[in-house]
């Protein structure tokens, strides 16, 4: 059986039954679903939750699947320790999609004047959101020149029964594709995919070279060809095993006010005139599941962080093979701050790694480079290295006027007077000088002693 959201749920129930829960009482899609998730998050709990009775709809809502690295690692058949390297390997091992004539996503087909987004249990996530948002909808577009399909995770605001506001980061390929359609004066067809195996959602966030490739990356992450089927009203291939697909058309010359919406930096920072999608069809399974992402919370950060880490690891190691590990810590929203460890052979190498990372993920604002004796997933160690191996007058690079994240409140335009898409990037080189230049040794017990000691064999209950 082809992998999909349901096969993943079965895998999760078998491997980690304590990590998925059900809510069987009726809940309101406005704030109550996300309120329950946030309350649990505040208590240190990050369950995936299926809300089976949602007011105003017959469709259940699954949310918070991606709020745990353990669950995301499971989707790649690995563990947290190896997930970044495994993601990188699978992202590089792209597999062609498999075209099929039909699939579960075609069990129900609603077209044209019968389209009504209100039939879906679309949530209002946070207090000051402009309205209902499709947060887990991966949007497929097609480059008009190369005909390659591109996939990205963008903002989608319900504006009418058949209209979705569409907001894409100017640094994303989807925005550049839309601008190309505007230049040639043609409408852009889109398909929004809601509900699939976590590998598909993560593939949509991968940072790839050039337009397209995300569907093939999804196949690579799945370890099998992604089944695709032709759209009903658009000339696009969509995942046959998806829960729901919204088809539609964007006229890049027309705009409507969109926003605000709580984003991954956990702020409201952007609203304005944006593109919108006129929805021409809804296709879905008979017993469909509506998948959501907990916007502006842990799931939002994690579901974007792991794919970026995998892409970074692959592309930075192409430039500098001695890079050991890369982390986008949640303290930076899984986007803004990047820790890179490497086995330094020559002075200057860390900066090469940093430049490659900045070119791969424009959202990155701060990069801290450390030696391979530092665990980049342990912020205490990273900050210790920054405190003891870094001097700003020699080891800090400041790069103003760089393309960054427009969602950061302090991002600026060229005048420095208005909010914009530029930021000042910092590179902190907290590595020791390359050999043979001497540097004091780190104080620690002999590694062979640490390796053979099991503290449980030594420690007994204290008795006064």
Foldseek 3Di string as FASTA:
>chain_A
DAAKQVVLVVLCCVPPVVQEEEDADEDELEAGVQVVQVVCVVVVHQHFYWYCHYPQENAIETERQQLDCQSVQVLLVHGNVCLLVSLLVLLVVFDAAAEDAAFQLFQDKDFDPRQFPSNDSFHNFDDPKPAGWFQQWWKWWAQPPPRAIATAGWIWPDDGRFKTFTDDFCVDPVVVSLVVCQVVQHKIKMKIFFGIRLLLSLLNLAQDDDGHDSQRSSCSSNVHHFYWYADDPDRDTDGRHTAKMWIWIKRQVAWDWHDDDQALVRDRADIDTGIMTRTGMMTGHPNGHGYGYNGNDSSRLRSNQSSLQNNLVNQLCVQPVQWDGKGQDCVNSSAAEMETEGADAAPPSVVSSVVRSCVRGVAYAEYEYEYPVADPVDVVRSVVLLVPQFDCVPFKDKAWFGFHCLRPNCDADPVSPHRDRTDIHMYGYSYHHHPPDDDDDDDDDPPVVVVPDDVVVPDDDDDD
